[in-house]
PDB file of N, CA and C in Angstrom:
ATOM      1  N   MET A   1      52.866  66.152 -12.235  1.00  0.00           N
ATOM      2  CA  MET A   1      52.308  64.921 -12.756  1.00  0.00           C
ATOM      3  C   MET A   1      51.213  64.363 -11.836  1.00  0.00           C
ATOM      4  N   HIS A   2      51.155  64.863 -10.611  1.00  0.00           N
ATOM      5  CA  HIS A   2      50.104  64.388  -9.716  1.00  0.00           C
ATOM      6  C   HIS A   2      48.724  64.801 -10.219  1.00  0.00           C
ATOM      7  N   ILE A   3      48.653  65.997 -10.781  1.00  0.00           N
ATOM      8  CA  ILE A   3      47.370  66.484 -11.293  1.00  0.00           C
ATOM      9  C   ILE A   3      46.918  65.626 -12.472  1.00  0.00           C
ATOM     10  N   GLU A   4      47.831  65.319 -13.368  1.00  0.00           N
ATOM     11  CA  GLU A   4      47.484  64.502 -14.522  1.00  0.00           C
ATOM     12  C   GLU A   4      47.068  63.100 -14.098  1.00  0.00           C
ATOM     13  N   ALA A   5      47.774  62.537 -13.113  1.00  0.00           N
ATOM     14  CA  ALA A   5      47.424  61.205 -12.621  1.00  0.00           C
ATOM     15  C   ALA A   5      46.028  61.206 -12.015  1.00  0.00           C
ATOM     16  N   ARG A   6      45.729  62.219 -11.215  1.00  0.00           N
ATOM     17  CA  ARG A   6      44.403  62.307 -10.604  1.00  0.00           C
ATOM     18  C   ARG A   6      43.317  62.464 -11.672  1.00  0.00           C
ATOM     19  N   LEU A   7      43.608  63.249 -12.687  1.00  0.00           N
ATOM     20  CA  LEU A   7      42.648  63.450 -13.775  1.00  0.00           C
ATOM     21  C   LEU A   7      42.326  62.121 -14.466  1.00  0.00           C
ATOM     22  N   PHE A   8      43.355  61.350 -14.800  1.00  0.00           N
ATOM     23  CA  PHE A   8      43.118  60.079 -15.478  1.00  0.00           C
ATOM     24  C   PHE A   8      42.506  59.039 -14.542  1.00  0.00           C
ATOM     25  N   GLU A   9      42.735  59.144 -13.240  1.00  0.00           N
ATOM     26  CA  GLU A   9      42.055  58.249 -12.307  1.00  0.00           C
ATOM     27  C   GLU A   9      40.558  58.528 -12.292  1.00  0.00           C
ATOM     28  N   PHE A  10      40.187  59.809 -12.329  1.00  0.00           N
ATOM     29  CA  PHE A  10      38.765  60.157 -12.397  1.00  0.00           C
ATOM     30  C   PHE A  10      38.150  59.697 -13.719  1.00  0.00           C
ATOM     31  N   VAL A  11      38.891  59.855 -14.811  1.00  0.00           N
ATOM     32  CA  VAL A  11      38.396  59.407 -16.116  1.00  0.00           C
ATOM     33  C   VAL A  11      38.206  57.892 -16.111  1.00  0.00           C
ATOM     34  N   SER A  12      39.148  57.176 -15.527  1.00  0.00           N
ATOM     35  CA  SER A  12      39.048  55.723 -15.451  1.00  0.00           C
ATOM     36  C   SER A  12      37.847  55.292 -14.614  1.00  0.00           C
ATOM     37  N   ALA A  13      37.645  55.945 -13.481  1.00  0.00           N
ATOM     38  CA  ALA A  13      36.493  55.615 -12.637  1.00  0.00           C
ATOM     39  C   ALA A  13      35.181  55.921 -13.356  1.00  0.00           C
ATOM     40  N   PHE A  14      35.141  57.032 -14.084  1.00  0.00           N
ATOM     41  CA  PHE A  14      33.933  57.387 -14.835  1.00  0.00           C
ATOM     42  C   PHE A  14      33.604  56.320 -15.876  1.00  0.00           C
ATOM     43  N   PHE A  15      34.603  55.885 -16.645  1.00  0.00           N
ATOM     44  CA  PHE A  15      34.332  54.896 -17.684  1.00  0.00           C
ATOM     45  C   PHE A  15      34.016  53.525 -17.089  1.00  0.00           C
ATOM     46  N   ALA A  16      34.604  53.180 -15.955  1.00  0.00           N
ATOM     47  CA  ALA A  16      34.271  51.908 -15.311  1.00  0.00           C
ATOM     48  C   ALA A  16      32.822  51.922 -14.831  1.00  0.00           C
ATOM     49  N   LEU A  17      32.424  53.021 -14.208  1.00  0.00           N
ATOM     50  CA  LEU A  17      31.038  53.145 -13.760  1.00  0.00           C
ATOM     51  C   LEU A  17      30.074  53.154 -14.946  1.00  0.00           C
ATOM     52  N   THR A  18      30.470  53.833 -16.015  1.00  0.00           N
ATOM     53  CA  THR A  18      29.640  53.875 -17.215  1.00  0.00           C
ATOM     54  C   THR A  18      29.514  52.484 -17.841  1.00  0.00           C
ATOM     55  N   ALA A  19      30.587  51.708 -17.834  1.00  0.00           N
ATOM     56  CA  ALA A  19      30.535  50.355 -18.397  1.00  0.00           C
ATOM     57  C   ALA A  19      29.575  49.472 -17.610  1.00  0.00           C
ATOM     58  N   VAL A  20      29.635  49.559 -16.294  1.00  0.00           N
ATOM     59  CA  VAL A  20      28.727  48.756 -15.469  1.00  0.00           C
ATOM     60  C   VAL A  20      27.284  49.196 -15.693  1.00  0.00           C
ATOM     61  N   LEU A  21      27.062  50.491 -15.678  1.00  0.00           N
ATOM     62  CA  LEU A  21      25.713  51.021 -15.885  1.00  0.00           C
ATOM     63  C   LEU A  21      25.184  50.665 -17.275  1.00  0.00           C
ATOM     64  N   TYR A  22      26.040  50.757 -18.278  1.00  0.00           N
ATOM     65  CA  TYR A  22      25.649  50.419 -19.651  1.00  0.00           C
ATOM     66  C   TYR A  22      25.291  48.937 -19.757  1.00  0.00           C
ATOM     67  N   GLY A  23      26.099  48.090 -19.133  1.00  0.00           N
ATOM     68  CA  GLY A  23      25.806  46.658 -19.162  1.00  0.00           C
ATOM     69  C   GLY A  23      24.493  46.320 -18.485  1.00  0.00           C
ATOM     70  N   VAL A  24      24.235  46.943 -17.340  1.00  0.00           N
ATOM     71  CA  VAL A  24      22.986  46.681 -16.619  1.00  0.00           C
ATOM     72  C   VAL A  24      21.785  47.202 -17.404  1.00  0.00           C
ATOM     73  N   LEU A  25      21.899  48.411 -17.939  1.00  0.00           N
ATOM     74  CA  LEU A  25      20.765  48.987 -18.660  1.00  0.00           C
ATOM     75  C   LEU A  25      20.469  48.257 -19.966  1.00  0.00           C
ATOM     76  N   THR A  26      21.498  47.790 -20.662  1.00  0.00           N
ATOM     77  CA  THR A  26      21.219  47.028 -21.884  1.00  0.00           C
ATOM     78  C   THR A  26      20.633  45.659 -21.552  1.00  0.00           C
ATOM     79  N   THR A  27      20.984  45.102 -20.407  1.00  0.00           N
ATOM     80  CA  THR A  27      20.377  43.839 -19.990  1.00  0.00           C
ATOM     81  C   THR A  27      18.891  44.026 -19.702  1.00  0.00           C
ATOM     82  N   LEU A  28      18.563  45.126 -19.042  1.00  0.00           N
ATOM     83  CA  LEU A  28      17.172  45.354 -18.654  1.00  0.00           C
ATOM     84  C   LEU A  28      16.285  45.798 -19.815  1.00  0.00           C
ATOM     85  N   PHE A  29      16.800  46.644 -20.699  1.00  0.00           N
ATOM     86  CA  PHE A  29      15.938  47.277 -21.689  1.00  0.00           C
ATOM     87  C   PHE A  29      16.146  46.806 -23.128  1.00  0.00           C
ATOM     88  N   ALA A  30      17.244  46.144 -23.439  1.00  0.00           N
ATOM     89  CA  ALA A  30      17.462  45.666 -24.806  1.00  0.00           C
ATOM     90  C   ALA A  30      16.819  44.289 -24.960  1.00  0.00           C
ATOM     91  N   THR A  31      16.352  43.995 -26.149  1.00  0.00           N
ATOM     92  CA  THR A  31      15.674  42.714 -26.368  1.00  0.00           C
ATOM     93  C   THR A  31      16.650  41.547 -26.472  1.00  0.00           C
ATOM     94  N   GLY A  32      17.887  41.806 -26.885  1.00  0.00           N
ATOM     95  CA  GLY A  32      18.841  40.721 -27.070  1.00  0.00           C
ATOM     96  C   GLY A  32      19.752  40.476 -25.880  1.00  0.00           C
ATOM     97  N   GLY A  33      19.531  41.132 -24.765  1.00  0.00           N
ATOM     98  CA  GLY A  33      20.389  40.968 -23.597  1.00  0.00           C
ATOM     99  C   GLY A  33      21.488  42.016 -23.574  1.00  0.00           C
ATOM    100  N   VAL A  34      22.613  41.650 -22.993  1.00  0.00           N
ATOM    101  CA  VAL A  34      23.729  42.592 -22.851  1.00  0.00           C
ATOM    102  C   VAL A  34      24.322  42.905 -24.215  1.00  0.00           C
ATOM    103  N   GLU A  35      24.598  44.154 -24.457  1.00  0.00           N
ATOM    104  CA  GLU A  35      25.255  44.580 -25.695  1.00  0.00           C
ATOM    105  C   GLU A  35      26.760  44.560 -25.406  1.00  0.00           C
ATOM    106  N   TRP A  36      27.420  43.475 -25.794  1.00  0.00           N
ATOM    107  CA  TRP A  36      28.785  43.213 -25.365  1.00  0.00           C
ATOM    108  C   TRP A  36      29.818  44.128 -26.001  1.00  0.00           C
ATOM    109  N   ALA A  37      29.596  44.576 -27.208  1.00  0.00           N
ATOM    110  CA  ALA A  37      30.600  45.423 -27.871  1.00  0.00           C
ATOM    111  C   ALA A  37      30.776  46.743 -27.128  1.00  0.00           C
ATOM    112  N   GLY A  38      29.673  47.394 -26.783  1.00  0.00           N
ATOM    113  CA  GLY A  38      29.755  48.667 -26.075  1.00  0.00           C
ATOM    114  C   GLY A  38      30.278  48.513 -24.659  1.00  0.00           C
ATOM    115  N   THR A  39      29.830  47.460 -23.978  1.00  0.00           N
ATOM    116  CA  THR A  39      30.285  47.217 -22.608  1.00  0.00           C
ATOM    117  C   THR A  39      31.780  46.935 -22.579  1.00  0.00           C
ATOM    118  N   THR A  40      32.250  46.131 -23.518  1.00  0.00           N
ATOM    119  CA  THR A  40      33.679  45.820 -23.597  1.00  0.00           C
ATOM    120  C   THR A  40      34.496  47.051 -23.955  1.00  0.00           C
ATOM    121  N   ALA A  41      33.995  47.845 -24.886  1.00  0.00           N
ATOM    122  CA  ALA A  41      34.713  49.064 -25.280  1.00  0.00           C
ATOM    123  C   ALA A  41      34.842  50.031 -24.106  1.00  0.00           C
ATOM    124  N   LEU A  42      33.774  50.206 -23.344  1.00  0.00           N
ATOM    125  CA  LEU A  42      33.837  51.100 -22.184  1.00  0.00           C
ATOM    126  C   LEU A  42      34.773  50.551 -21.107  1.00  0.00           C
ATOM    127  N   ALA A  43      34.744  49.241 -20.890  1.00  0.00           N
ATOM    128  CA  ALA A  43      35.633  48.639 -19.894  1.00  0.00           C
ATOM    129  C   ALA A  43      37.097  48.765 -20.313  1.00  0.00           C
ATOM    130  N   LEU A  44      37.377  48.556 -21.595  1.00  0.00           N
ATOM    131  CA  LEU A  44      38.753  48.703 -22.079  1.00  0.00           C
ATOM    132  C   LEU A  44      39.215  50.155 -22.027  1.00  0.00           C
ATOM    133  N   THR A  45      38.310  51.090 -22.275  1.00  0.00           N
ATOM    134  CA  THR A  45      38.656  52.504 -22.156  1.00  0.00           C
ATOM    135  C   THR A  45      39.015  52.841 -20.714  1.00  0.00           C
ATOM    136  N   ALA A  46      38.270  52.293 -19.764  1.00  0.00           N
ATOM    137  CA  ALA A  46      38.594  52.500 -18.350  1.00  0.00           C
ATOM    138  C   ALA A  46      39.961  51.912 -18.021  1.00  0.00           C
ATOM    139  N   GLY A  47      40.248  50.743 -18.567  1.00  0.00           N
ATOM    140  CA  GLY A  47      41.552  50.126 -18.337  1.00  0.00           C
ATOM    141  C   GLY A  47      42.699  50.924 -18.927  1.00  0.00           C
ATOM    142  N   MET A  48      42.502  51.449 -20.127  1.00  0.00           N
ATOM    143  CA  MET A  48      43.546  52.277 -20.759  1.00  0.00           C
ATOM    144  C   MET A  48      43.801  53.549 -19.955  1.00  0.00           C
ATOM    145  N   ALA A  49      42.733  54.187 -19.487  1.00  0.00           N
ATOM    146  CA  ALA A  49      42.898  55.395 -18.673  1.00  0.00           C
ATOM    147  C   ALA A  49      43.612  55.064 -17.368  1.00  0.00           C
ATOM    148  N   LEU A  50      43.344  53.891 -16.808  1.00  0.00           N
ATOM    149  CA  LEU A  50      44.029  53.477 -15.584  1.00  0.00           C
ATOM    150  C   LEU A  50      45.509  53.222 -15.841  1.00  0.00           C
ATOM    151  N   ILE A  51      45.847  52.693 -16.997  1.00  0.00           N
ATOM    152  CA  ILE A  51      47.253  52.499 -17.355  1.00  0.00           C
ATOM    153  C   ILE A  51      47.972  53.842 -17.433  1.00  0.00           C
ATOM    154  N   VAL A  52      47.341  54.826 -18.066  1.00  0.00           N
ATOM    155  CA  VAL A  52      47.946  56.159 -18.177  1.00  0.00           C
ATOM    156  C   VAL A  52      48.085  56.792 -16.795  1.00  0.00           C
ATOM    157  N   ALA A  53      47.061  56.655 -15.945  1.00  0.00           N
ATOM    158  CA  ALA A  53      47.124  57.207 -14.589  1.00  0.00           C
ATOM    159  C   ALA A  53      48.243  56.562 -13.784  1.00  0.00           C
ATOM    160  N   THR A  54      48.401  55.256 -13.922  1.00  0.00           N
ATOM    161  CA  THR A  54      49.472  54.558 -13.212  1.00  0.00           C
ATOM    162  C   THR A  54      50.836  55.025 -13.691  1.00  0.00           C
ATOM    163  N   PHE A  55      50.983  55.232 -14.989  1.00  0.00           N
ATOM    164  CA  PHE A  55      52.242  55.743 -15.528  1.00  0.00           C
ATOM    165  C   PHE A  55      52.553  57.129 -14.970  1.00  0.00           C
ATOM    166  N   PHE A  56      51.549  58.008 -14.948  1.00  0.00           N
ATOM    167  CA  PHE A  56      51.771  59.353 -14.416  1.00  0.00           C
ATOM    168  C   PHE A  56      52.112  59.317 -12.928  1.00  0.00           C
ATOM    169  N   ARG A  57      51.495  58.427 -12.158  1.00  0.00           N
ATOM    170  CA  ARG A  57      51.845  58.293 -10.733  1.00  0.00           C
ATOM    171  C   ARG A  57      53.296  57.824 -10.593  1.00  0.00           C
ATOM    172  N   PHE A  58      53.682  56.876 -11.424  1.00  0.00           N
ATOM    173  CA  PHE A  58      55.046  56.354 -11.375  1.00  0.00           C
ATOM    174  C   PHE A  58      56.059  57.447 -11.706  1.00  0.00           C
ATOM    175  N   VAL A  59      55.792  58.232 -12.739  1.00  0.00           N
ATOM    176  CA  VAL A  59      56.699  59.304 -13.145  1.00  0.00           C
ATOM    177  C   VAL A  59      56.711  60.419 -12.106  1.00  0.00           C
ATOM    178  N   ALA A  60      55.571  60.713 -11.503  1.00  0.00           N
ATOM    179  CA  ALA A  60      55.479  61.785 -10.511  1.00  0.00           C
ATOM    180  C   ALA A  60      56.341  61.485  -9.294  1.00  0.00           C
ATOM    181  N   ARG A  61      56.487  60.218  -8.949  1.00  0.00           N
ATOM    182  CA  ARG A  61      57.339  59.871  -7.807  1.00  0.00           C
ATOM    183  C   ARG A  61      58.812  60.093  -8.106  1.00  0.00           C
ATOM    184  N   ARG A  62      59.193  60.015  -9.362  1.00  0.00           N
ATOM    185  CA  ARG A  62      60.599  60.163  -9.731  1.00  0.00           C
ATOM    186  C   ARG A  62      61.013  61.608  -9.964  1.00  0.00           C
ATOM    187  N   LEU A  63      60.066  62.490 -10.261  1.00  0.00           N
ATOM    188  CA  LEU A  63      60.376  63.887 -10.559  1.00  0.00           C
ATOM    189  C   LEU A  63      60.174  64.758  -9.331  1.00  0.00           C
ATOM    190  N   ASP A  64      60.804  65.933  -9.359  1.00  0.00           N
ATOM    191  CA  ASP A  64      60.565  66.906  -8.307  1.00  0.00           C
ATOM    192  C   ASP A  64      59.150  67.453  -8.441  1.00  0.00           C
ATOM    193  N   THR A  65      58.637  67.965  -7.345  1.00  0.00           N
ATOM    194  CA  THR A  65      57.297  68.530  -7.359  1.00  0.00           C
ATOM    195  C   THR A  65      57.292  69.834  -8.137  1.00  0.00           C
ATOM    196  N   ARG A  66      56.369  69.937  -9.070  1.00  0.00           N
ATOM    197  CA  ARG A  66      56.239  71.152  -9.867  1.00  0.00           C
ATOM    198  C   ARG A  66      55.396  72.168  -9.106  1.00  0.00           C
ATOM    199  N   PRO A  67      55.495  73.448  -9.444  1.00  0.00           N
ATOM    200  CA  PRO A  67      54.690  74.457  -8.735  1.00  0.00           C
ATOM    201  C   PRO A  67      53.187  74.205  -8.836  1.00  0.00           C
ATOM    202  N   GLU A  68      52.709  73.678  -9.946  1.00  0.00           N
ATOM    203  CA  GLU A  68      51.277  73.436 -10.081  1.00  0.00           C
ATOM    204  C   GLU A  68      50.813  72.193  -9.328  1.00  0.00           C
ATOM    205  N   ASP A  69      51.756  71.404  -8.779  1.00  0.00           N
ATOM    206  CA  ASP A  69      51.384  70.227  -8.010  1.00  0.00           C
ATOM    207  C   ASP A  69      51.190  70.512  -6.529  1.00  0.00           C
ATOM    208  N   TYR A  70      51.508  71.716  -6.069  1.00  0.00           N
ATOM    209  CA  TYR A  70      51.302  72.056  -4.666  1.00  0.00           C
ATOM    210  C   TYR A  70      49.811  72.091  -4.366  1.00  0.00           C
ATOM    211  N   GLU A  71      49.433  71.581  -3.200  1.00  0.00           N
ATOM    212  CA  GLU A  71      48.022  71.540  -2.832  1.00  0.00           C
ATOM    213  C   GLU A  71      47.454  72.933  -2.585  1.00  0.00           C
ATOM    214  N   ALA A  72      48.194  73.787  -1.881  1.00  0.00           N
ATOM    215  CA  ALA A  72      47.721  75.138  -1.570  1.00  0.00           C
ATOM    216  C   ALA A  72      48.674  76.148  -2.209  1.00  0.00           C
ATOM    217  N   PRO A  73      48.393  76.574  -3.425  1.00  0.00           N
ATOM    218  CA  PRO A  73      49.305  77.516  -4.083  1.00  0.00           C
ATOM    219  C   PRO A  73      49.288  78.872  -3.400  1.00  0.00           C
ATOM    220  N   LYS A  74      50.406  79.568  -3.521  1.00  0.00           N
ATOM    221  CA  LYS A  74      50.501  80.899  -2.941  1.00  0.00           C
ATOM    222  C   LYS A  74      49.686  81.866  -3.789  1.00  0.00           C
ATOM    223  N   SER A  75      48.987  82.754  -3.120  1.00  0.00           N
ATOM    224  CA  SER A  75      48.180  83.751  -3.811  1.00  0.00           C
ATOM    225  C   SER A  75      49.013  85.007  -3.997  1.00  0.00           C
ATOM    226  N   VAL A  76      49.119  85.448  -5.222  1.00  0.00           N
ATOM    227  CA  VAL A  76      49.894  86.645  -5.528  1.00  0.00           C
ATOM    228  C   VAL A  76      48.917  87.745  -5.912  1.00  0.00           C
ATOM    229  N   THR A  77      49.005  88.862  -5.205  1.00  0.00           N
ATOM    230  CA  THR A  77      48.152  89.998  -5.539  1.00  0.00           C
ATOM    231  C   THR A  77      49.020  91.112  -6.079  1.00  0.00           C
ATOM    232  N   ALA A  78      48.524  91.774  -7.082  1.00  0.00           N
ATOM    233  CA  ALA A  78      49.273  92.866  -7.707  1.00  0.00           C
ATOM    234  C   ALA A  78      49.078  94.141  -6.897  1.00  0.00           C
ATOM    235  N   PRO A  79      50.141  94.925  -6.725  1.00  0.00           N
ATOM    236  CA  PRO A  79      49.993  96.178  -5.981  1.00  0.00           C
ATOM    237  C   PRO A  79      49.255  97.219  -6.816  1.00  0.00           C
ATOM    238  N   GLY A  80      48.532  98.081  -6.145  1.00  0.00           N
ATOM    239  CA  GLY A  80      47.874  99.183  -6.835  1.00  0.00           C
ATOM    240  C   GLY A  80      46.514  98.818  -7.365  1.00  0.00           C
ATOM    241  N   ASN A  81      45.887  99.789  -7.964  1.00  0.00           N
ATOM    242  CA  ASN A  81      44.556  99.625  -8.517  1.00  0.00           C
ATOM    243  C   ASN A  81      44.673  99.588 -10.036  1.00  0.00           C
ATOM    244  N   TRP A  82      44.342  98.468 -10.633  1.00  0.00           N
ATOM    245  CA  TRP A  82      44.491  98.306 -12.072  1.00  0.00           C
ATOM    246  C   TRP A  82      43.462  99.118 -12.845  1.00  0.00           C
ATOM    247  N   ALA A  83      42.296  99.320 -12.280  1.00  0.00           N
ATOM    248  CA  ALA A  83      41.254 100.069 -12.987  1.00  0.00           C
ATOM    249  C   ALA A  83      41.646 101.527 -13.162  1.00  0.00           C
ATOM    250  N   SER A  84      42.284 102.113 -12.151  1.00  0.00           N
ATOM    251  CA  SER A  84      42.657 103.527 -12.267  1.00  0.00           C
ATOM    252  C   SER A  84      43.777 103.714 -13.281  1.00  0.00           C
ATOM    253  N   SER A  85      44.678 102.756 -13.408  1.00  0.00           N
ATOM    254  CA  SER A  85      45.756 102.899 -14.382  1.00  0.00           C
ATOM    255  C   SER A  85      45.230 102.758 -15.807  1.00  0.00           C
ATOM    256  N   ALA A  86      44.148 102.001 -16.001  1.00  0.00           N
ATOM    257  CA  ALA A  86      43.560 101.874 -17.334  1.00  0.00           C
ATOM    258  C   ALA A  86      42.859 103.168 -17.732  1.00  0.00           C
ATOM    259  N   ARG A  87      42.246 103.847 -16.751  1.00  0.00           N
ATOM    260  CA  ARG A  87      41.571 105.102 -17.055  1.00  0.00           C
ATOM    261  C   ARG A  87      42.569 106.205 -17.395  1.00  0.00           C
ATOM    262  N   THR A  88      43.719 106.221 -16.726  1.00  0.00           N
ATOM    263  CA  THR A  88      44.706 107.260 -17.007  1.00  0.00           C
ATOM    264  C   THR A  88      45.377 107.033 -18.353  1.00  0.00           C
ATOM    265  N   ALA A  89      45.355 105.817 -18.848  1.00  0.00           N
ATOM    266  CA  ALA A  89      45.949 105.532 -20.150  1.00  0.00           C
ATOM    267  C   ALA A  89      44.963 105.806 -21.276  1.00  0.00           C
ATOM    268  N   GLY A  90      43.840 106.395 -20.954  1.00  0.00           N
ATOM    269  CA  GLY A  90      42.852 106.701 -21.974  1.00  0.00           C
ATOM    270  C   GLY A  90      42.031 105.492 -22.376  1.00  0.00           C
ATOM    271  N   GLY A  91      41.952 104.490 -21.495  1.00  0.00           N
ATOM    272  CA  GLY A  91      41.177 103.294 -21.794  1.00  0.00           C
ATOM    273  C   GLY A  91      41.942 102.271 -22.604  1.00  0.00           C
ATOM    274  N   ARG A  92      43.179 102.571 -22.978  1.00  0.00           N
ATOM    275  CA  ARG A  92      43.989 101.631 -23.758  1.00  0.00           C
ATOM    276  C   ARG A  92      44.980 100.954 -22.823  1.00  0.00           C
ATOM    277  N   CYS A  93      45.085  99.656 -22.953  1.00  0.00           N
ATOM    278  CA  CYS A  93      46.023  98.917 -22.115  1.00  0.00           C
ATOM    279  C   CYS A  93      47.153  98.368 -22.939  1.00  0.00           C
TER     280      CYS A  93
END
């Protein structure tokens, strides 16, 4: 769940930055000033993503660490040469 929480934290930060940038750019270039519907929608999207990220962080603390949550996963290499075994099978795997 740590990976999912981090993903939604990045999504939340992206939408928050986009909301600020959208608000500033519509203020500078639109004739009517700030376009509030789009700015509000982007800000609320950032808030919703932050709620999901917070939930995943909360759940991740209660669960055991999953194998995909390890920072440095173990590298597994297969023994032998896979290309030579494909050639001996006549190119069929």
